Structures are given as structure tokens and as C-alpha cells.
């Protein structure tokens, strides 16, 4: 681990005596010495710098199912990394100590060291996760390029707050993404998440899909905030119009961070949302409820059990070359 000169940030333009960060929809306008909403991109003497490049604060070997990605190399292990920061400020964030508490270590960890450690661990790929990888974009991109050359895959676990041009660059090295749709509501994004609205998230999903990156979506179901049937129906209809093969993970909320005044999501609410989604989508899952049958993958044609799961563990896999052994239906994704 070595110290290096601060990394120049990508996607910036000058505006008079200030800089505009064009990485994400916030489009932060920064005078000299100011940082963006993410707290890790800063105007230093007229040049935008990434404060978090190399500032690794979390590494872990995870099952791919934890991301969650159920249709991309099921059963494989991923070497997960994160630096601090996020371009949202969700009051219910479960990783708030990484995303909101910006404590940067002094040393830098080079991308080549991360790739070496991933290979040594036996992981099949790298995951950019835990905090928000968009705000450590340059570091993730540098690492992903080396990982790709080394024969590893790359997965991007994100809130979707990223502009189209950065996505196009990412798509050359990112193989799969899970994006949170935190709610199907402008009001929710602005008031609960500190975002600019829903549309930028939907635009990101469409752009990743257009670029050929495998997509799975997660919706954390929060009692009384984003669990109305009408809202869920609108969200599912939008996903189905884009692609009925996009898996949707409906995840159980538990009180955390600044949102400790609400109960955990009930089984009934999760199952209602599941039924709404299954009416239009081929692959729907319930998350954070270990032991529920909706953790498993079923054939969309004959409903045979194909991949059995409990929590993040795959306990059975009956697929034959990515197809249902009963009716020969091809299962969407990279299933081997």
C-alpha cells in the first residue's frame, strides 16, 4: 500500500470559475475547495479530484446471491470492495457507517493488489458494493479493467444515480448490476433519499439494459412509505415493459439508521408484493426472509423448482446447461 497523488476525476466541465461534476444527476456546481453531495469529489485548484481513489475501507468474500444477483453465475463467490461515500442520503440506509461517515484512510490500495487478492481468494469475480460505487467510479473502473484482463467478472451494486455517459464507459467492463428502485415515487426519492427524483434511476436502468449489462432490481419494501399496491403495480408495469426477464428482489425492511420508528415488513406485505410482481414478471424473489420458498428460482413455464436457496446459500441446482430439465425452457441470465 502506497500513497499517491490525488486522482483526477472523470466527467467534469468548467463553468466560469467553478466546476460541474457530470458523474451523477446531482450535477454539483463546485467552487474551489468545495465537495459534492457525495463528499468524496472535490474542486481542488480548478480541477475535480476523487478523494476516495484507493481508499479501501471494506473487503469481503461474498456469495453472489448476497448482492443480490440470482441469475448471474449462481453459487459463485465474489470479492467485494468499497470506499466511503454515497450520492444519496437515505434515512433507512443499512450501510450508513460506510456511505455517510466519510473517514478516509491515509494509505492507498492499488487496483492490481485488489485483483491479486481476488484471485488468491478463489473468487470468480469482483463486486463494487456496500457503499455506492458511482462515487468511487475511477477506482472501480481502474480495478474492473484489470479484473477483466485477469479473467474475472465484474458486478456493480448501485442505487442507479449515475449519468448515461459514465454507464457507457462502465459497460465495457461491468458484466452485471443490481440496482435499487427504492420507491416508484419522486416524492420518496427527494424527501427520504436526498435524490433528484425517480426518473434518473429509471433512465440508468434503461441505459444499462441498452448497453447489454445483465440487470437485476431490488425494492426494499418499507411499511407505510413505498408499499402501496398502486405504487407496486406501477413499478412492475414499468419493469415488464422494459423486459419481463429482469429479476425483481422484493426485500424485507428492518429498522436502521434514522428510520427506527417503523416495524419490519410483514410476511403478508411481502407476499402481496410478490403476487403483484409475479403477474407480470418471470422472476420474482423475496429477500431477507430466510426459508421462504420465494428465495428459490422456479421455471417460468412449468413452475418446476430449478435452484433451491436458503438465505444466501444455494442448496440445489437442477439446471441443465441453463435450461429447465422438465420443459427445456431457457432461464434468463448467465446461469452457469
Protein backbone atom coordinates (compact mmCIF):
# COMPACT_ATOMS: atom_id res chain seq x y z
CA UNK A 1 0.00 0.00 0.00
CA UNK A 2 1.41 3.34 -1.06
CA UNK A 3 0.46 6.99 -1.03
CA UNK A 4 -0.06 8.66 -4.41
CA UNK A 5 -1.04 11.97 -5.90
CA UNK A 6 -4.79 12.54 -5.76
CA UNK A 7 -6.65 11.06 -8.74
CA UNK A 8 -8.24 13.39 -11.29
CA UNK A 9 -11.97 12.76 -11.53
CA UNK A 10 -13.67 11.98 -14.81
CA UNK A 11 -16.80 13.71 -16.17
CA UNK A 12 -16.24 17.34 -15.24
CA UNK A 13 -16.57 20.66 -17.03
CA UNK A 14 -15.66 24.23 -16.24
CA UNK A 15 -18.35 26.85 -15.67
CA UNK A 16 -16.85 30.31 -15.16
CA UNK A 17 -14.64 29.97 -12.06
CA UNK A 18 -16.39 26.81 -10.90
CA UNK A 19 -16.59 23.14 -11.90
CA UNK A 20 -19.62 21.00 -12.68
CA UNK A 21 -19.40 17.31 -11.78
CA UNK A 22 -21.19 15.37 -14.52
CA UNK A 23 -20.90 11.91 -13.00
CA UNK A 24 -24.37 11.76 -11.50
CA UNK A 25 -27.72 13.58 -11.79
CA UNK A 26 -26.94 15.96 -8.92
CA UNK A 27 -24.63 17.88 -11.31
CA UNK A 28 -22.91 19.55 -8.36
CA UNK A 29 -21.50 23.00 -9.13
CA UNK A 30 -18.35 23.43 -7.07
CA UNK A 31 -16.23 26.44 -6.28
CA UNK A 32 -12.60 25.91 -5.36
CA UNK A 33 -12.41 23.87 -2.15
CA UNK A 34 -15.98 22.60 -2.29
CA UNK A 35 -17.00 18.93 -2.33
CA UNK A 36 -20.06 17.42 -3.96
CA UNK A 37 -23.04 15.85 -2.23
CA UNK A 38 -21.11 12.56 -2.16
CA UNK A 39 -18.37 14.25 -0.04
CA UNK A 40 -15.62 12.48 -1.98
CA UNK A 41 -15.32 14.57 -5.17
CA UNK A 42 -13.70 17.96 -4.66
CA UNK A 43 -12.70 21.03 -6.65
CA UNK A 44 -9.02 21.49 -5.86
CA UNK A 45 -7.44 24.48 -7.56
CA UNK A 46 -9.80 24.30 -10.51
CA UNK A 47 -9.65 20.54 -11.08
CA UNK A 48 -12.10 17.92 -9.84
CA UNK A 49 -10.39 15.23 -7.79
CA UNK A 50 -11.56 11.88 -6.46
CA UNK A 51 -10.76 11.88 -2.76
CA UNK A 52 -11.64 8.21 -2.36
CA UNK A 53 -9.45 6.68 -5.09
CA UNK A 54 -7.61 3.79 -3.47
CA UNK A 55 -9.14 4.46 -0.06
CA UNK A 56 -10.34 0.93 0.51
CA UNK A 57 -12.36 0.50 3.72
CA UNK A 58 -14.14 -2.81 3.16
CA UNK A 59 -13.25 -6.12 1.54
CA UNK A 60 -15.07 -9.40 1.89
CA UNK A 61 -15.68 -12.63 0.02
CA UNK A 62 -19.43 -12.97 -0.53
CA UNK A 63 -21.73 -15.36 -2.34
CA UNK A 64 -23.04 -13.70 -5.50
CA UNK A 65 -26.53 -14.24 -4.07
CA UNK A 66 -25.82 -11.64 -1.35
CA UNK A 67 -25.63 -8.80 -3.89
CA UNK A 68 -28.37 -9.99 -4.72
CA UNK A 69 -27.72 -11.50 -8.14
CA UNK A 70 -29.58 -14.79 -8.63
CA UNK A 71 -29.24 -15.11 -12.40
CA UNK A 72 -25.53 -14.43 -12.82
CA UNK A 73 -23.14 -17.32 -12.11
CA UNK A 74 -25.26 -18.72 -9.24
CA UNK A 75 -23.26 -20.25 -6.41
CA UNK A 76 -20.09 -18.33 -7.24
CA UNK A 77 -18.01 -16.24 -4.83
CA UNK A 78 -17.22 -12.56 -5.38
CA UNK A 79 -14.50 -10.42 -3.86
CA UNK A 80 -16.39 -7.36 -2.63
CA UNK A 81 -14.82 -3.94 -2.16
CA UNK A 82 -15.92 -0.46 -1.05
CA UNK A 83 -14.64 3.02 -0.33
CA UNK A 84 -16.66 5.57 1.70
CA UNK A 85 -19.36 7.79 0.24
CA UNK A 86 -22.74 7.90 -1.47
CA UNK A 87 -24.66 10.35 -3.65
CA UNK A 88 -27.91 9.65 -1.76
CA UNK A 89 -28.63 10.06 1.95
CA UNK A 90 -31.37 7.51 2.60
CA UNK A 91 -32.64 7.72 6.16
CA UNK A 92 -33.04 3.92 6.24
CA UNK A 93 -29.53 3.09 4.91
CA UNK A 94 -28.23 -0.15 6.38
CA UNK A 95 -24.62 0.63 5.43
CA UNK A 96 -24.70 4.22 6.71
CA UNK A 97 -21.37 3.88 8.52
CA UNK A 98 -19.71 3.46 5.09
CA UNK A 99 -21.94 5.63 2.95
CA UNK A 100 -22.40 8.66 5.22
CA UNK A 101 -19.45 8.64 7.62
CA UNK A 102 -16.60 9.80 5.38
CA UNK A 103 -13.45 8.57 7.10
CA UNK A 104 -10.72 8.11 4.52
CA UNK A 105 -7.65 6.02 5.37
CA UNK A 106 -4.24 7.53 4.66
CA UNK A 107 -2.91 4.69 2.52
CA UNK A 108 -4.00 3.77 -1.00
CA UNK A 109 -4.58 0.22 -2.19
CA UNK A 110 -3.68 -0.22 -5.84
CA UNK A 111 -6.19 -1.91 -8.19
CA UNK A 112 -3.61 -4.56 -9.10
CA UNK A 113 -3.40 -5.56 -5.43
CA UNK A 114 -7.19 -5.95 -5.25
CA UNK A 115 -7.18 -8.19 -8.33
CA UNK A 116 -4.32 -10.25 -6.90
CA UNK A 117 -6.22 -10.73 -3.65
CA UNK A 118 -9.40 -11.67 -5.50
CA UNK A 119 -7.56 -14.32 -7.49
CA UNK A 120 -5.84 -15.62 -4.36
CA UNK A 121 -9.22 -15.90 -2.61
CA UNK A 122 -10.61 -18.13 -5.36
CA UNK A 123 -13.39 -15.67 -6.20
CA UNK A 124 -14.83 -15.77 -9.70
CA UNK A 125 -15.23 -12.01 -9.86
CA UNK A 126 -15.24 -8.63 -8.18
CA UNK A 127 -18.19 -6.71 -6.73
CA UNK A 128 -18.25 -2.95 -6.28
CA UNK A 129 -20.70 -2.70 -3.41
CA UNK A 130 -21.58 -1.86 0.24
CA UNK A 131 -21.37 1.93 -0.27
CA UNK A 132 -22.15 3.49 -3.68
CA UNK A 133 -19.64 2.55 -6.40
CA UNK A 134 -20.63 5.51 -8.57
CA UNK A 135 -18.82 7.88 -6.21
CA UNK A 136 -15.60 5.82 -6.43
CA UNK A 137 -16.10 5.49 -10.17
CA UNK A 138 -12.47 5.97 -11.26
CA UNK A 139 -11.16 3.47 -8.72
CA UNK A 140 -13.80 0.90 -9.64
CA UNK A 141 -13.16 1.39 -13.36
CA UNK A 142 -9.38 1.02 -12.99
CA UNK A 143 -9.88 -2.14 -10.94
CA UNK A 144 -12.54 -3.59 -13.22
CA UNK A 145 -10.31 -3.22 -16.28
CA UNK A 146 -7.54 -5.20 -14.62
CA UNK A 147 -10.00 -7.77 -13.31
CA UNK A 148 -11.40 -8.29 -16.80
CA UNK A 149 -7.92 -8.87 -18.21
CA UNK A 150 -7.29 -11.41 -15.45
CA UNK A 151 -10.41 -13.38 -16.43
CA UNK A 152 -12.62 -12.22 -13.56
CA UNK A 153 -16.14 -10.85 -13.96
CA UNK A 154 -17.29 -7.52 -12.50
CA UNK A 155 -20.62 -6.72 -10.83
CA UNK A 156 -21.92 -3.25 -9.91
CA UNK A 157 -24.28 -2.93 -6.91
CA UNK A 158 -25.79 0.52 -7.08
CA UNK A 159 -28.55 2.99 -6.31
CA UNK A 160 -28.70 3.91 -10.00
CA UNK A 161 -27.80 7.60 -9.51
CA UNK A 162 -25.39 7.82 -12.44
CA UNK A 163 -25.45 9.58 -15.80
CA UNK A 164 -25.58 7.85 -19.21
CA UNK A 165 -22.03 8.62 -20.37
CA UNK A 166 -20.39 7.02 -17.33
CA UNK A 167 -22.64 3.99 -17.80
CA UNK A 168 -21.47 3.59 -21.41
CA UNK A 169 -17.85 3.57 -20.24
CA UNK A 170 -18.63 1.12 -17.44
CA UNK A 171 -20.50 -1.26 -19.73
CA UNK A 172 -17.23 -2.22 -21.41
CA UNK A 173 -16.06 -3.95 -18.23
CA UNK A 174 -19.12 -4.44 -15.99
CA UNK A 175 -20.95 -7.72 -16.60
CA UNK A 176 -23.94 -7.43 -14.26
CA UNK A 177 -25.61 -4.92 -11.98
CA UNK A 178 -28.18 -4.89 -9.23
CA UNK A 179 -29.89 -1.52 -8.93
CA UNK A 180 -32.16 -0.44 -6.10
CA UNK A 181 -35.51 1.00 -7.04
CA UNK A 182 -36.08 2.49 -3.63
CA UNK A 183 -39.64 3.55 -4.45
CA UNK A 184 -41.66 4.35 -7.55
CA UNK A 185 -42.13 7.93 -6.42
CA UNK A 186 -40.43 11.28 -6.99
CA UNK A 187 -41.51 12.41 -3.54
CA UNK A 188 -39.83 9.45 -1.85
CA UNK A 189 -36.53 9.98 -3.65
CA UNK A 190 -36.47 13.69 -2.85
CA UNK A 191 -37.69 13.60 0.75
CA UNK A 192 -36.40 10.25 2.05
CA UNK A 193 -33.28 9.69 -0.06
CA UNK A 194 -31.97 13.17 -0.84
CA UNK A 195 -32.16 12.42 -4.54
CA UNK A 196 -33.29 14.36 -7.60
CA UNK A 197 -36.30 12.15 -8.31
CA UNK A 198 -37.27 8.80 -9.77
CA UNK A 199 -36.63 9.45 -13.47
CA UNK A 200 -32.79 9.43 -13.27
CA UNK A 201 -32.93 5.94 -11.72
CA UNK A 202 -35.23 4.63 -14.44
CA UNK A 203 -33.01 6.21 -17.10
CA UNK A 204 -29.97 4.44 -15.64
CA UNK A 205 -31.73 1.09 -15.67
CA UNK A 206 -32.71 1.59 -19.31
CA UNK A 207 -29.16 2.61 -20.23
CA UNK A 208 -27.57 -0.42 -18.55
CA UNK A 209 -30.12 -2.61 -20.33
CA UNK A 210 -29.39 -0.91 -23.66
CA UNK A 211 -25.66 -1.49 -23.16
CA UNK A 212 -26.21 -5.23 -22.65
CA UNK A 213 -25.31 -5.40 -18.94
CA UNK A 214 -27.29 -8.07 -17.07
CA UNK A 215 -29.70 -6.33 -14.68
CA UNK A 216 -31.46 -7.37 -11.51
CA UNK A 217 -33.50 -4.95 -9.41
CA UNK A 218 -34.16 -4.67 -5.68
CA UNK A 219 -37.09 -2.95 -3.97
CA UNK A 220 -36.86 -2.60 -0.17
CA UNK A 221 -40.46 -2.64 0.99
CA UNK A 222 -40.92 -0.12 3.82
CA UNK A 223 -44.24 -0.21 5.71
CA UNK A 224 -46.34 2.88 5.07
CA UNK A 225 -43.82 4.55 2.74
CA UNK A 226 -43.48 2.65 -0.53
CA UNK A 227 -45.69 -0.43 -0.13
CA UNK A 228 -48.99 0.78 -1.60
CA UNK A 229 -50.36 -1.71 -4.13
CA UNK A 230 -50.89 1.03 -6.71
CA UNK A 231 -47.24 2.07 -6.49
CA UNK A 232 -46.04 -1.53 -6.73
CA UNK A 233 -48.28 -2.14 -9.74
CA UNK A 234 -46.84 0.92 -11.50
CA UNK A 235 -43.28 -0.18 -10.78
CA UNK A 236 -43.87 -3.72 -12.01
CA UNK A 237 -45.63 -2.48 -15.16
CA UNK A 238 -42.62 -0.27 -15.93
CA UNK A 239 -40.16 -3.15 -15.46
CA UNK A 240 -42.29 -5.50 -17.55
CA UNK A 241 -42.42 -3.01 -20.39
CA UNK A 242 -38.63 -2.87 -20.40
CA UNK A 243 -38.02 -6.63 -20.03
CA UNK A 244 -40.11 -9.31 -18.31
CA UNK A 245 -36.93 -11.34 -17.71
CA UNK A 246 -35.41 -8.77 -15.34
CA UNK A 247 -35.44 -10.39 -11.88
CA UNK A 248 -37.02 -8.34 -9.10
CA UNK A 249 -35.96 -8.85 -5.47
CA UNK A 250 -38.59 -7.62 -3.02
CA UNK A 251 -36.66 -7.18 0.18
CA UNK A 252 -37.77 -7.08 3.81
CA UNK A 253 -37.09 -3.81 5.64
CA UNK A 254 -35.79 -3.75 9.18
CA UNK A 255 -35.40 -0.56 11.26
CA UNK A 256 -31.96 1.04 10.92
CA UNK A 257 -30.03 4.32 10.87
CA UNK A 258 -32.53 7.21 11.20
CA UNK A 259 -35.60 5.12 10.45
CA UNK A 260 -36.21 3.15 13.60
CA UNK A 261 -39.83 4.24 14.04
CA UNK A 262 -41.25 1.66 11.64
CA UNK A 263 -41.70 -2.09 12.05
CA UNK A 264 -40.04 -4.69 9.87
CA UNK A 265 -42.01 -5.57 6.75
CA UNK A 266 -44.64 -8.21 7.45
CA UNK A 267 -44.72 -11.54 5.64
CA UNK A 268 -48.18 -10.62 4.35
CA UNK A 269 -46.93 -7.39 2.76
CA UNK A 270 -44.00 -9.18 1.14
CA UNK A 271 -46.22 -11.92 -0.26
CA UNK A 272 -48.75 -9.39 -1.58
CA UNK A 273 -45.97 -7.55 -3.40
CA UNK A 274 -44.66 -10.87 -4.69
CA UNK A 275 -48.05 -11.75 -6.21
CA UNK A 276 -48.34 -8.33 -7.86
CA UNK A 277 -44.90 -8.73 -9.41
CA UNK A 278 -45.38 -12.36 -10.49
CA UNK A 279 -48.44 -11.37 -12.50
CA UNK A 280 -46.15 -9.58 -14.99
CA UNK A 281 -42.53 -10.69 -14.39
CA UNK A 282 -40.92 -14.07 -14.94
CA UNK A 283 -38.54 -13.99 -11.97
CA UNK A 284 -39.51 -12.53 -8.59
CA UNK A 285 -37.86 -13.13 -5.23
CA UNK A 286 -38.42 -12.26 -1.59
CA UNK A 287 -35.27 -11.21 0.26
CA UNK A 288 -34.28 -11.00 3.93
CA UNK A 289 -36.78 -13.73 4.84
CA UNK A 290 -34.68 -16.91 5.08
CA UNK A 291 -36.54 -20.12 4.42
CA UNK A 292 -39.31 -18.64 2.27
CA UNK A 293 -39.87 -20.54 -0.97
CA UNK A 294 -39.69 -17.27 -2.93
CA UNK A 295 -35.92 -17.27 -2.35
CA UNK A 296 -35.70 -20.05 -4.94
CA UNK A 297 -35.81 -19.98 -8.74
CA UNK A 298 -38.74 -21.66 -10.49
CA UNK A 299 -39.24 -22.26 -14.19
CA UNK A 300 -41.49 -19.51 -15.61
CA UNK A 301 -43.09 -22.06 -17.96
CA UNK A 302 -43.72 -25.24 -15.94
CA UNK A 303 -43.02 -23.89 -12.40
CA UNK A 304 -40.51 -26.65 -11.59
CA UNK A 305 -38.04 -25.86 -8.81
CA UNK A 306 -34.71 -25.15 -10.50
CA UNK A 307 -32.44 -23.55 -7.90
CA UNK A 308 -33.16 -24.00 -4.21
CA UNK A 309 -31.86 -21.34 -1.81
CA UNK A 310 -31.91 -20.55 1.86
CA UNK A 311 -30.68 -17.09 2.69
CA UNK A 312 -27.62 -16.51 0.53
CA UNK A 313 -26.81 -20.19 0.19
CA UNK A 314 -27.63 -22.21 -2.92
CA UNK A 315 -28.71 -25.66 -1.70
CA UNK A 316 -29.66 -27.26 -5.02
CA UNK A 317 -29.29 -26.57 -8.73
CA UNK A 318 -31.23 -28.68 -11.23
CA UNK A 319 -30.50 -26.60 -14.33
CA UNK A 320 -29.08 -28.37 -17.36
CA UNK A 321 -26.95 -26.02 -19.44
CA UNK A 322 -29.01 -23.10 -18.23
CA UNK A 323 -32.32 -24.74 -19.12
CA UNK A 324 -35.20 -26.32 -17.22
CA UNK A 325 -34.73 -30.12 -17.22
CA UNK A 326 -38.52 -30.64 -17.32
CA UNK A 327 -39.65 -28.46 -20.24
CA UNK A 328 -36.34 -27.21 -21.73
CA UNK A 329 -37.16 -23.53 -21.16
CA UNK A 330 -34.05 -21.33 -21.25
CA UNK A 331 -33.64 -19.44 -17.96
CA UNK A 332 -32.61 -15.82 -18.37
CA UNK A 333 -29.17 -14.70 -17.28
CA UNK A 334 -25.78 -16.37 -17.05
CA UNK A 335 -26.78 -19.48 -15.20
CA UNK A 336 -23.53 -21.44 -15.13
